[in-house]
Amino acid sequence: MQDDPIPSVKFPNSIAVPALGQGTWAMGEDAGHARAEIKSLRTGIDLGMTLIDTAEMYGDGGAEEIVGQAVKGRRDEVFIVSKVYPWNASLKGTIEACEHSLERLGTGRIDLYLLHWRGNYPLAETVAAFEMLKASGKIGAWGVSNFDTDDMEELLGVPDGANVAANQVLYNLTRRGVEFDLLPWCRSRGIPVMAYSPIEQGHVLHHPELIHIAKAYQATPAQLALAFLLKRDGVIAIPKTSNAERVRENRDCVSLDITEEDWRALDAAFPPPVRKKPLEML
C-alpha cells in the first residue's frame, strides 16, 4: 500500500510538501529513546513523509538535535519546520533563537519557521525578524501557530504580514472547531493549515465508532483519523511516533478509500461545528 502517493499541499511560495508529515513533540527528552526516535524519523523519510515538524520548546531543544541526527546526509530530501517561543520573539530574540535552532539541527536553513503562539511582543516586530531571516537565507518562509481567525486578520494588517505561509493548530476528529471559520479563511487565501495532535495524543483511538469503521477497512483507528485530515484540502497532518512500525502504519492511511456513507457516520460520531468556538490548544 505504500506505493500510493502521499497527497501534496502547496505553500504560497509554490513549494509543495507531503500532506502527511512527522511530528517530534516529546522527542529528545530521554537519551535512551534517541535511537528509536531517529530510526522512526528516517523510516518516515524513506516512505515519503519528508516534512518534519519540531520546535525549540520540544525537549528544550533536544527534539531539534534528534531531527538533526535523523536528516544528517539527507538534508535536501526533507522540509524542516521549527518554532520560536513567544518570549523569544522580539526582533533580536527571534534571530538569536533561530540561530540556536540551526545549530541544534546542524543545518544552515529552516524551511518554515513559526511563532509558536502569541506572546507580548508586537506581531510587527516578530514579522520584521522573520523577514530578515528570510532575506539572509536562514529560513525559507515563516508562519504562525495557534492563531485564530482574528489573530490572522490582525497579522495581515502589519507590514509584510501577508507573507505568512502557514498556521499550525490543534485539529483532529475531536477538535473540529477550526472548520467553522479558521480553516475556510486560510483556505481562501492559500495558507495551509498544519494539524498538530492529529490523533489527540492517542485518546481518540478508543472511540467505539472510529474502531468500528476502521475494522471495516482492515485499518487501524489511527489510520482512519489521519485519512480524515488528508481528505481536507490544504491540511497537513503531522503525527508523532517513535515506533518505526507505526510510522509505516501511518503512511498506509493514504491508501484508504472511505465511502461517503462512512464519512457521514464519522460526522455523526464527531460532529462538525455549527457555531464559532474559541481556538483550542494543547
C-alpha atoms as a PDB file:
ATOM      1  CA  MET A   1       0.000   0.000   0.000  1.00  0.00           C
ATOM      2  CA  GLN A   2       2.948   2.306   0.500  1.00  0.00           C
ATOM      3  CA  ASP A   3       3.253   2.701  -3.277  1.00  0.00           C
ATOM      4  CA  ASP A   4       0.211   5.008  -3.229  1.00  0.00           C
ATOM      5  CA  PRO A   5       1.463   8.596  -3.447  1.00  0.00           C
ATOM      6  CA  ILE A   6       1.003  10.927  -0.498  1.00  0.00           C
ATOM      7  CA  PRO A   7      -1.134  13.926  -1.474  1.00  0.00           C
ATOM      8  CA  SER A   8       0.731  17.213  -1.531  1.00  0.00           C
ATOM      9  CA  VAL A   9      -0.020  20.688  -0.221  1.00  0.00           C
ATOM     10  CA  LYS A  10       1.468  23.805  -1.751  1.00  0.00           C
ATOM     11  CA  PHE A  11       2.713  26.773   0.251  1.00  0.00           C
ATOM     12  CA  PRO A  12       2.259  30.343  -1.023  1.00  0.00           C
ATOM     13  CA  ASN A  13       5.861  30.280  -2.314  1.00  0.00           C
ATOM     14  CA  SER A  14       4.815  27.370  -4.577  1.00  0.00           C
ATOM     15  CA  ILE A  15       6.864  24.786  -2.678  1.00  0.00           C
ATOM     16  CA  ALA A  16       4.885  21.544  -2.407  1.00  0.00           C
ATOM     17  CA  VAL A  17       5.183  19.254   0.629  1.00  0.00           C
ATOM     18  CA  PRO A  18       3.527  15.953   1.573  1.00  0.00           C
ATOM     19  CA  ALA A  19       0.196  16.349   3.356  1.00  0.00           C
ATOM     20  CA  LEU A  20       1.377  13.648   5.773  1.00  0.00           C
ATOM     21  CA  GLY A  21       4.480  14.625   7.696  1.00  0.00           C
ATOM     22  CA  GLN A  22       6.075  13.770  11.026  1.00  0.00           C
ATOM     23  CA  GLY A  23       5.895  15.462  14.418  1.00  0.00           C
ATOM     24  CA  THR A  24       8.524  15.424  17.165  1.00  0.00           C
ATOM     25  CA  TRP A  25       6.688  16.627  20.256  1.00  0.00           C
ATOM     26  CA  ALA A  26       8.257  14.924  23.338  1.00  0.00           C
ATOM     27  CA  MET A  27      11.260  13.655  21.374  1.00  0.00           C
ATOM     28  CA  GLY A  28      14.723  14.436  22.657  1.00  0.00           C
ATOM     29  CA  GLU A  29      13.714  14.203  26.309  1.00  0.00           C
ATOM     30  CA  ASP A  30      15.361  10.870  27.119  1.00  0.00           C
ATOM     31  CA  ALA A  31      18.730   9.821  25.673  1.00  0.00           C
ATOM     32  CA  GLY A  32      17.642   6.208  25.992  1.00  0.00           C
ATOM     33  CA  HIS A  33      14.947   6.776  23.377  1.00  0.00           C
ATOM     34  CA  ALA A  34      17.146   8.637  20.882  1.00  0.00           C
ATOM     35  CA  ARG A  35      17.977   5.669  18.673  1.00  0.00           C
ATOM     36  CA  ALA A  36      14.313   4.702  18.231  1.00  0.00           C
ATOM     37  CA  GLU A  37      13.321   8.334  17.593  1.00  0.00           C
ATOM     38  CA  ILE A  38      15.976   8.756  14.920  1.00  0.00           C
ATOM     39  CA  LYS A  39      15.010   5.444  13.310  1.00  0.00           C
ATOM     40  CA  SER A  40      11.327   6.394  13.192  1.00  0.00           C
ATOM     41  CA  LEU A  41      12.070   9.727  11.510  1.00  0.00           C
ATOM     42  CA  ARG A  42      14.390   8.105   8.966  1.00  0.00           C
ATOM     43  CA  THR A  43      11.759   5.467   8.237  1.00  0.00           C
ATOM     44  CA  GLY A  44       9.252   8.217   7.551  1.00  0.00           C
ATOM     45  CA  ILE A  45      11.654   9.978   5.200  1.00  0.00           C
ATOM     46  CA  ASP A  46      12.151   6.701   3.328  1.00  0.00           C
ATOM     47  CA  LEU A  47       8.365   6.444   2.957  1.00  0.00           C
ATOM     48  CA  GLY A  48       7.944   9.989   1.621  1.00  0.00           C
ATOM     49  CA  MET A  49       6.900  11.678   4.880  1.00  0.00           C
ATOM     50  CA  THR A  50       9.615  14.242   4.346  1.00  0.00           C
ATOM     51  CA  LEU A  51       8.095  17.183   6.244  1.00  0.00           C
ATOM     52  CA  ILE A  52       9.386  17.111   9.826  1.00  0.00           C
ATOM     53  CA  ASP A  53       7.970  19.471  12.428  1.00  0.00           C
ATOM     54  CA  THR A  54       9.893  20.432  15.561  1.00  0.00           C
ATOM     55  CA  ALA A  55      10.399  23.391  17.910  1.00  0.00           C
ATOM     56  CA  GLU A  56      12.894  24.881  20.325  1.00  0.00           C
ATOM     57  CA  MET A  57      10.351  24.036  23.041  1.00  0.00           C
ATOM     58  CA  TYR A  58      10.338  20.276  22.417  1.00  0.00           C
ATOM     59  CA  GLY A  59      12.740  18.621  24.802  1.00  0.00           C
ATOM     60  CA  ASP A  60      14.268  22.045  25.448  1.00  0.00           C
ATOM     61  CA  GLY A  61      15.922  21.821  22.047  1.00  0.00           C
ATOM     62  CA  GLY A  62      16.508  18.077  22.272  1.00  0.00           C
ATOM     63  CA  ALA A  63      13.977  17.315  19.555  1.00  0.00           C
ATOM     64  CA  GLU A  64      15.822  19.585  17.136  1.00  0.00           C
ATOM     65  CA  GLU A  65      19.012  17.653  17.868  1.00  0.00           C
ATOM     66  CA  ILE A  66      17.188  14.378  17.145  1.00  0.00           C
ATOM     67  CA  VAL A  67      15.939  15.801  13.847  1.00  0.00           C
ATOM     68  CA  GLY A  68      19.457  16.938  13.003  1.00  0.00           C
ATOM     69  CA  GLN A  69      20.781  13.426  13.502  1.00  0.00           C
ATOM     70  CA  ALA A  70      17.894  11.882  11.556  1.00  0.00           C
ATOM     71  CA  VAL A  71      18.431  14.087   8.488  1.00  0.00           C
ATOM     72  CA  LYS A  72      22.226  14.003   8.509  1.00  0.00           C
ATOM     73  CA  GLY A  73      23.366  13.383   4.949  1.00  0.00           C
ATOM     74  CA  ARG A  74      19.774  13.761   3.704  1.00  0.00           C
ATOM     75  CA  ARG A  75      19.085  17.434   4.325  1.00  0.00           C
ATOM     76  CA  ASP A  76      17.976  18.149   0.772  1.00  0.00           C
ATOM     77  CA  GLU A  77      15.340  15.404   0.974  1.00  0.00           C
ATOM     78  CA  VAL A  78      13.439  16.965   3.847  1.00  0.00           C
ATOM     79  CA  PHE A  79      11.379  20.048   4.671  1.00  0.00           C
ATOM     80  CA  ILE A  80      12.126  21.169   8.235  1.00  0.00           C
ATOM     81  CA  VAL A  81       9.651  23.200  10.277  1.00  0.00           C
ATOM     82  CA  SER A  82      10.638  24.696  13.636  1.00  0.00           C
ATOM     83  CA  LYS A  83       9.215  27.279  16.018  1.00  0.00           C
ATOM     84  CA  VAL A  84      10.275  30.156  18.226  1.00  0.00           C
ATOM     85  CA  TYR A  85       8.981  30.641  21.766  1.00  0.00           C
ATOM     86  CA  PRO A  86       6.741  33.731  22.161  1.00  0.00           C
ATOM     87  CA  TRP A  87       9.056  35.150  24.834  1.00  0.00           C
ATOM     88  CA  ASN A  88      11.968  34.934  22.369  1.00  0.00           C
ATOM     89  CA  ALA A  89      10.002  36.607  19.583  1.00  0.00           C
ATOM     90  CA  SER A  90      11.473  40.112  19.751  1.00  0.00           C
ATOM     91  CA  LEU A  91      13.429  41.416  16.769  1.00  0.00           C
ATOM     92  CA  LYS A  92      16.769  40.386  18.249  1.00  0.00           C
ATOM     93  CA  GLY A  93      15.441  37.378  20.148  1.00  0.00           C
ATOM     94  CA  THR A  94      13.822  35.752  17.108  1.00  0.00           C
ATOM     95  CA  ILE A  95      17.052  35.935  15.153  1.00  0.00           C
ATOM     96  CA  GLU A  96      19.087  34.543  18.044  1.00  0.00           C
ATOM     97  CA  ALA A  97      16.575  31.749  18.670  1.00  0.00           C
ATOM     98  CA  CYS A  98      16.660  30.793  15.007  1.00  0.00           C
ATOM     99  CA  GLU A  99      20.444  30.657  15.039  1.00  0.00           C
ATOM    100  CA  HIS A 100      20.382  28.375  18.082  1.00  0.00           C
ATOM    101  CA  SER A 101      17.846  26.118  16.356  1.00  0.00           C
ATOM    102  CA  LEU A 102      20.034  25.971  13.261  1.00  0.00           C
ATOM    103  CA  GLU A 103      22.992  24.907  15.415  1.00  0.00           C
ATOM    104  CA  ARG A 104      20.978  22.113  17.041  1.00  0.00           C
ATOM    105  CA  LEU A 105      19.613  20.988  13.685  1.00  0.00           C
ATOM    106  CA  GLY A 106      23.073  21.070  12.104  1.00  0.00           C
ATOM    107  CA  THR A 107      21.855  22.929   9.043  1.00  0.00           C
ATOM    108  CA  GLY A 108      22.066  26.392   7.581  1.00  0.00           C
ATOM    109  CA  ARG A 109      18.371  26.675   6.758  1.00  0.00           C
ATOM    110  CA  ILE A 110      14.969  26.071   8.318  1.00  0.00           C
ATOM    111  CA  ASP A 111      12.379  25.699   5.567  1.00  0.00           C
ATOM    112  CA  LEU A 112       9.460  27.068   7.608  1.00  0.00           C
ATOM    113  CA  TYR A 113       9.847  28.966  10.877  1.00  0.00           C
ATOM    114  CA  LEU A 114       6.790  29.549  13.057  1.00  0.00           C
ATOM    115  CA  LEU A 115       5.839  31.748  16.005  1.00  0.00           C
ATOM    116  CA  HIS A 116       4.727  29.034  18.444  1.00  0.00           C
ATOM    117  CA  TRP A 117       1.859  31.092  19.895  1.00  0.00           C
ATOM    118  CA  ARG A 118       1.136  34.752  20.545  1.00  0.00           C
ATOM    119  CA  GLY A 119       3.062  36.483  23.299  1.00  0.00           C
ATOM    120  CA  ASN A 120       3.734  40.034  24.417  1.00  0.00           C
ATOM    121  CA  TYR A 121       5.937  41.176  21.562  1.00  0.00           C
ATOM    122  CA  PRO A 122       4.164  43.096  18.774  1.00  0.00           C
ATOM    123  CA  LEU A 123       3.459  40.979  15.712  1.00  0.00           C
ATOM    124  CA  ALA A 124       5.134  43.615  13.551  1.00  0.00           C
ATOM    125  CA  GLU A 125       8.402  43.100  15.428  1.00  0.00           C
ATOM    126  CA  THR A 126       8.336  39.321  15.052  1.00  0.00           C
ATOM    127  CA  VAL A 127       7.401  39.579  11.387  1.00  0.00           C
ATOM    128  CA  ALA A 128      10.265  42.015  10.793  1.00  0.00           C
ATOM    129  CA  ALA A 129      12.658  39.470  12.291  1.00  0.00           C
ATOM    130  CA  PHE A 130      11.185  36.704  10.153  1.00  0.00           C
ATOM    131  CA  GLU A 131      11.648  38.806   7.044  1.00  0.00           C
ATOM    132  CA  MET A 132      15.276  39.492   7.976  1.00  0.00           C
ATOM    133  CA  LEU A 133      15.885  35.776   8.469  1.00  0.00           C
ATOM    134  CA  LYS A 134      14.275  35.059   5.131  1.00  0.00           C
ATOM    135  CA  ALA A 135      16.371  37.685   3.369  1.00  0.00           C
ATOM    136  CA  SER A 136      19.533  36.171   4.861  1.00  0.00           C
ATOM    137  CA  GLY A 137      18.586  32.676   3.693  1.00  0.00           C
ATOM    138  CA  LYS A 138      18.355  31.244   7.202  1.00  0.00           C
ATOM    139  CA  ILE A 139      14.668  30.432   6.718  1.00  0.00           C
ATOM    140  CA  GLY A 140      12.755  29.728   3.544  1.00  0.00           C
ATOM    141  CA  ALA A 141       9.398  31.001   4.783  1.00  0.00           C
ATOM    142  CA  TRP A 142       7.663  31.878   8.025  1.00  0.00           C
ATOM    143  CA  GLY A 143       4.308  31.266   9.622  1.00  0.00           C
ATOM    144  CA  VAL A 144       2.436  31.067  12.890  1.00  0.00           C
ATOM    145  CA  SER A 145       0.926  28.521  15.247  1.00  0.00           C
ATOM    146  CA  ASN A 146      -2.164  28.611  17.449  1.00  0.00           C
ATOM    147  CA  PHE A 147      -3.565  31.700  15.689  1.00  0.00           C
ATOM    148  CA  ASP A 148      -7.331  32.057  15.486  1.00  0.00           C
ATOM    149  CA  THR A 149      -9.131  33.931  12.719  1.00  0.00           C
ATOM    150  CA  ASP A 150      -8.964  37.312  14.436  1.00  0.00           C
ATOM    151  CA  ASP A 151      -5.245  36.802  15.055  1.00  0.00           C
ATOM    152  CA  MET A 152      -4.742  36.050  11.366  1.00  0.00           C
ATOM    153  CA  GLU A 153      -6.694  39.149  10.377  1.00  0.00           C
ATOM    154  CA  GLU A 154      -4.511  41.245  12.667  1.00  0.00           C
ATOM    155  CA  LEU A 155      -1.384  39.624  11.259  1.00  0.00           C
ATOM    156  CA  LEU A 156      -2.323  40.564   7.708  1.00  0.00           C
ATOM    157  CA  GLY A 157      -2.575  44.176   8.841  1.00  0.00           C
ATOM    158  CA  VAL A 158       1.083  44.508   9.875  1.00  0.00           C
ATOM    159  CA  PRO A 159       3.911  45.232   7.389  1.00  0.00           C
ATOM    160  CA  ASP A 160       4.762  42.056   5.432  1.00  0.00           C
ATOM    161  CA  GLY A 161       2.192  40.125   7.462  1.00  0.00           C
ATOM    162  CA  ALA A 162       0.626  38.885   4.242  1.00  0.00           C
ATOM    163  CA  ASN A 163       3.761  36.784   3.691  1.00  0.00           C
ATOM    164  CA  VAL A 164       2.546  34.284   6.303  1.00  0.00           C
ATOM    165  CA  ALA A 165       2.968  30.821   4.806  1.00  0.00           C
ATOM    166  CA  ALA A 166       1.137  28.549   7.272  1.00  0.00           C
ATOM    167  CA  ASN A 167      -0.840  28.296  10.504  1.00  0.00           C
ATOM    168  CA  GLN A 168      -0.324  25.259  12.735  1.00  0.00           C
ATOM    169  CA  VAL A 169      -3.261  24.477  15.006  1.00  0.00           C
ATOM    170  CA  LEU A 170      -4.822  21.700  17.056  1.00  0.00           C
ATOM    171  CA  TYR A 171      -7.080  19.832  14.643  1.00  0.00           C
ATOM    172  CA  ASN A 172      -8.412  16.293  14.689  1.00  0.00           C
ATOM    173  CA  LEU A 173     -11.708  14.404  14.755  1.00  0.00           C
ATOM    174  CA  THR A 174     -12.472  15.549  18.298  1.00  0.00           C
ATOM    175  CA  ARG A 175     -11.253  19.132  17.788  1.00  0.00           C
ATOM    176  CA  ARG A 176     -13.080  20.343  14.694  1.00  0.00           C
ATOM    177  CA  GLY A 177     -13.799  23.917  15.741  1.00  0.00           C
ATOM    178  CA  VAL A 178     -11.385  25.311  13.123  1.00  0.00           C
ATOM    179  CA  GLU A 179     -13.720  24.063  10.396  1.00  0.00           C
ATOM    180  CA  PHE A 180     -16.272  26.758  11.154  1.00  0.00           C
ATOM    181  CA  ASP A 181     -14.227  29.801  10.140  1.00  0.00           C
ATOM    182  CA  LEU A 182     -10.438  29.467  10.503  1.00  0.00           C
ATOM    183  CA  LEU A 183      -9.949  26.645   8.017  1.00  0.00           C
ATOM    184  CA  PRO A 184     -12.114  28.273   5.309  1.00  0.00           C
ATOM    185  CA  TRP A 185     -10.403  31.627   5.982  1.00  0.00           C
ATOM    186  CA  CYS A 186      -6.941  30.115   5.478  1.00  0.00           C
ATOM    187  CA  ARG A 187      -8.009  28.033   2.507  1.00  0.00           C
ATOM    188  CA  SER A 188      -9.475  31.027   0.684  1.00  0.00           C
ATOM    189  CA  ARG A 189      -6.108  32.792   1.000  1.00  0.00           C
ATOM    190  CA  GLY A 190      -3.961  29.815   0.047  1.00  0.00           C
ATOM    191  CA  ILE A 191      -2.492  29.457   3.553  1.00  0.00           C
ATOM    192  CA  PRO A 192      -2.024  25.791   4.516  1.00  0.00           C
ATOM    193  CA  VAL A 193      -3.131  24.598   7.938  1.00  0.00           C
ATOM    194  CA  MET A 194      -0.861  22.190   9.791  1.00  0.00           C
ATOM    195  CA  ALA A 195      -2.806  19.867  12.103  1.00  0.00           C
ATOM    196  CA  TYR A 196      -0.923  19.003  15.271  1.00  0.00           C
ATOM    197  CA  SER A 197      -2.008  16.177  17.584  1.00  0.00           C
ATOM    198  CA  PRO A 198      -3.963  14.614  14.685  1.00  0.00           C
ATOM    199  CA  ILE A 199      -4.911  11.588  16.788  1.00  0.00           C
ATOM    200  CA  GLU A 200      -5.427  13.591  20.016  1.00  0.00           C
ATOM    201  CA  GLN A 201      -2.328  12.017  21.621  1.00  0.00           C
ATOM    202  CA  GLY A 202      -3.961   8.627  21.176  1.00  0.00           C
ATOM    203  CA  HIS A 203      -7.144   9.429  23.097  1.00  0.00           C
ATOM    204  CA  VAL A 204      -9.405   9.380  20.047  1.00  0.00           C
ATOM    205  CA  LEU A 205      -8.306   5.855  19.148  1.00  0.00           C
ATOM    206  CA  HIS A 206     -10.593   4.328  21.774  1.00  0.00           C
ATOM    207  CA  HIS A 207     -13.794   5.769  20.315  1.00  0.00           C
ATOM    208  CA  PRO A 208     -16.181   2.873  19.502  1.00  0.00           C
ATOM    209  CA  GLU A 209     -17.433   4.263  16.187  1.00  0.00           C
ATOM    210  CA  LEU A 210     -13.916   5.014  14.953  1.00  0.00           C
ATOM    211  CA  ILE A 211     -12.879   1.463  15.839  1.00  0.00           C
ATOM    212  CA  HIS A 212     -15.989   0.029  14.172  1.00  0.00           C
ATOM    213  CA  ILE A 213     -15.472   1.872  10.875  1.00  0.00           C
ATOM    214  CA  ALA A 214     -11.721   1.220  10.819  1.00  0.00           C
ATOM    215  CA  LYS A 215     -12.307  -2.524  11.174  1.00  0.00           C
ATOM    216  CA  ALA A 216     -14.475  -2.492   8.073  1.00  0.00           C
ATOM    217  CA  TYR A 217     -11.425  -1.355   6.095  1.00  0.00           C
ATOM    218  CA  GLN A 218      -8.964  -3.607   7.942  1.00  0.00           C
ATOM    219  CA  ALA A 219      -7.370  -0.384   9.128  1.00  0.00           C
ATOM    220  CA  THR A 220      -6.314   0.983  12.489  1.00  0.00           C
ATOM    221  CA  PRO A 221      -8.261   3.798  14.159  1.00  0.00           C
ATOM    222  CA  ALA A 222      -5.163   5.988  13.764  1.00  0.00           C
ATOM    223  CA  GLN A 223      -5.125   5.410  10.009  1.00  0.00           C
ATOM    224  CA  LEU A 224      -8.766   6.429   9.756  1.00  0.00           C
ATOM    225  CA  ALA A 225      -8.209   9.527  11.907  1.00  0.00           C
ATOM    226  CA  LEU A 226      -5.323  10.569   9.646  1.00  0.00           C
ATOM    227  CA  ALA A 227      -7.331   9.840   6.485  1.00  0.00           C
ATOM    228  CA  PHE A 228      -9.974  12.240   7.803  1.00  0.00           C
ATOM    229  CA  LEU A 229      -7.415  15.070   7.785  1.00  0.00           C
ATOM    230  CA  LEU A 230      -5.884  14.126   4.436  1.00  0.00           C
ATOM    231  CA  LYS A 231      -9.333  14.444   2.896  1.00  0.00           C
ATOM    232  CA  ARG A 232      -9.293  18.175   3.754  1.00  0.00           C
ATOM    233  CA  ASP A 233      -7.759  20.443   1.109  1.00  0.00           C
ATOM    234  CA  GLY A 234      -4.834  22.493   2.320  1.00  0.00           C
ATOM    235  CA  VAL A 235      -4.299  20.494   5.533  1.00  0.00           C
ATOM    236  CA  ILE A 236      -1.006  18.889   6.582  1.00  0.00           C
ATOM    237  CA  ALA A 237      -1.133  16.241   9.323  1.00  0.00           C
ATOM    238  CA  ILE A 238       1.958  15.753  11.498  1.00  0.00           C
ATOM    239  CA  PRO A 239       1.531  12.618  13.625  1.00  0.00           C
ATOM    240  CA  LYS A 240       4.313  11.851  16.085  1.00  0.00           C
ATOM    241  CA  THR A 241       5.590   8.385  16.878  1.00  0.00           C
ATOM    242  CA  SER A 242       8.910   6.927  17.949  1.00  0.00           C
ATOM    243  CA  ASN A 243       7.944   3.495  16.633  1.00  0.00           C
ATOM    244  CA  ALA A 244       9.088   2.760  13.070  1.00  0.00           C
ATOM    245  CA  GLU A 245       6.315   0.207  12.548  1.00  0.00           C
ATOM    246  CA  ARG A 246       3.686   2.782  13.490  1.00  0.00           C
ATOM    247  CA  VAL A 247       5.274   5.174  11.006  1.00  0.00           C
ATOM    248  CA  ARG A 248       4.625   2.574   8.319  1.00  0.00           C
ATOM    249  CA  GLU A 249       1.036   2.184   9.526  1.00  0.00           C
ATOM    250  CA  ASN A 250       0.547   5.959   9.424  1.00  0.00           C
ATOM    251  CA  ARG A 251       1.894   6.060   5.878  1.00  0.00           C
ATOM    252  CA  ASP A 252      -0.662   3.470   4.764  1.00  0.00           C
ATOM    253  CA  CYS A 253      -3.554   5.782   5.647  1.00  0.00           C
ATOM    254  CA  VAL A 254      -3.263   7.328   2.191  1.00  0.00           C
ATOM    255  CA  SER A 255      -4.492   4.066   0.676  1.00  0.00           C
ATOM    256  CA  LEU A 256      -7.835   4.056   2.469  1.00  0.00           C
ATOM    257  CA  ASP A 257     -10.832   4.581   0.186  1.00  0.00           C
ATOM    258  CA  ILE A 258     -13.600   5.567   2.573  1.00  0.00           C
ATOM    259  CA  THR A 259     -17.189   5.617   1.335  1.00  0.00           C
ATOM    260  CA  GLU A 260     -19.337   8.732   1.659  1.00  0.00           C
ATOM    261  CA  GLU A 261     -21.641   6.724   3.911  1.00  0.00           C
ATOM    262  CA  ASP A 262     -18.820   6.084   6.341  1.00  0.00           C
ATOM    263  CA  TRP A 263     -17.700   9.714   6.220  1.00  0.00           C
ATOM    264  CA  ARG A 264     -21.244  10.637   7.234  1.00  0.00           C
ATOM    265  CA  ALA A 265     -21.060   8.105  10.062  1.00  0.00           C
ATOM    266  CA  LEU A 266     -17.868   9.764  11.276  1.00  0.00           C
ATOM    267  CA  ASP A 267     -19.566  13.163  11.113  1.00  0.00           C
ATOM    268  CA  ALA A 268     -22.363  11.790  13.262  1.00  0.00           C
ATOM    269  CA  ALA A 269     -19.875  10.441  15.790  1.00  0.00           C
ATOM    270  CA  PHE A 270     -17.655  13.546  15.690  1.00  0.00           C
ATOM    271  CA  PRO A 271     -19.999  16.404  14.715  1.00  0.00           C
ATOM    272  CA  PRO A 272     -18.568  19.374  12.821  1.00  0.00           C
ATOM    273  CA  PRO A 273     -19.070  22.782  14.490  1.00  0.00           C
ATOM    274  CA  VAL A 274     -22.283  24.708  13.959  1.00  0.00           C
ATOM    275  CA  ARG A 275     -21.013  27.921  15.561  1.00  0.00           C
ATOM    276  CA  LYS A 276     -17.764  29.709  16.278  1.00  0.00           C
ATOM    277  CA  LYS A 277     -15.659  28.187  19.055  1.00  0.00           C
ATOM    278  CA  PRO A 278     -12.519  29.595  20.657  1.00  0.00           C
ATOM    279  CA  LEU A 279      -9.370  28.058  19.202  1.00  0.00           C
ATOM    280  CA  GLU A 280      -8.289  25.076  21.294  1.00  0.00           C
ATOM    281  CA  MET A 281      -4.659  24.430  22.259  1.00  0.00           C
ATOM    282  CA  LEU A 282      -2.607  21.726  23.903  1.00  0.00           C
END
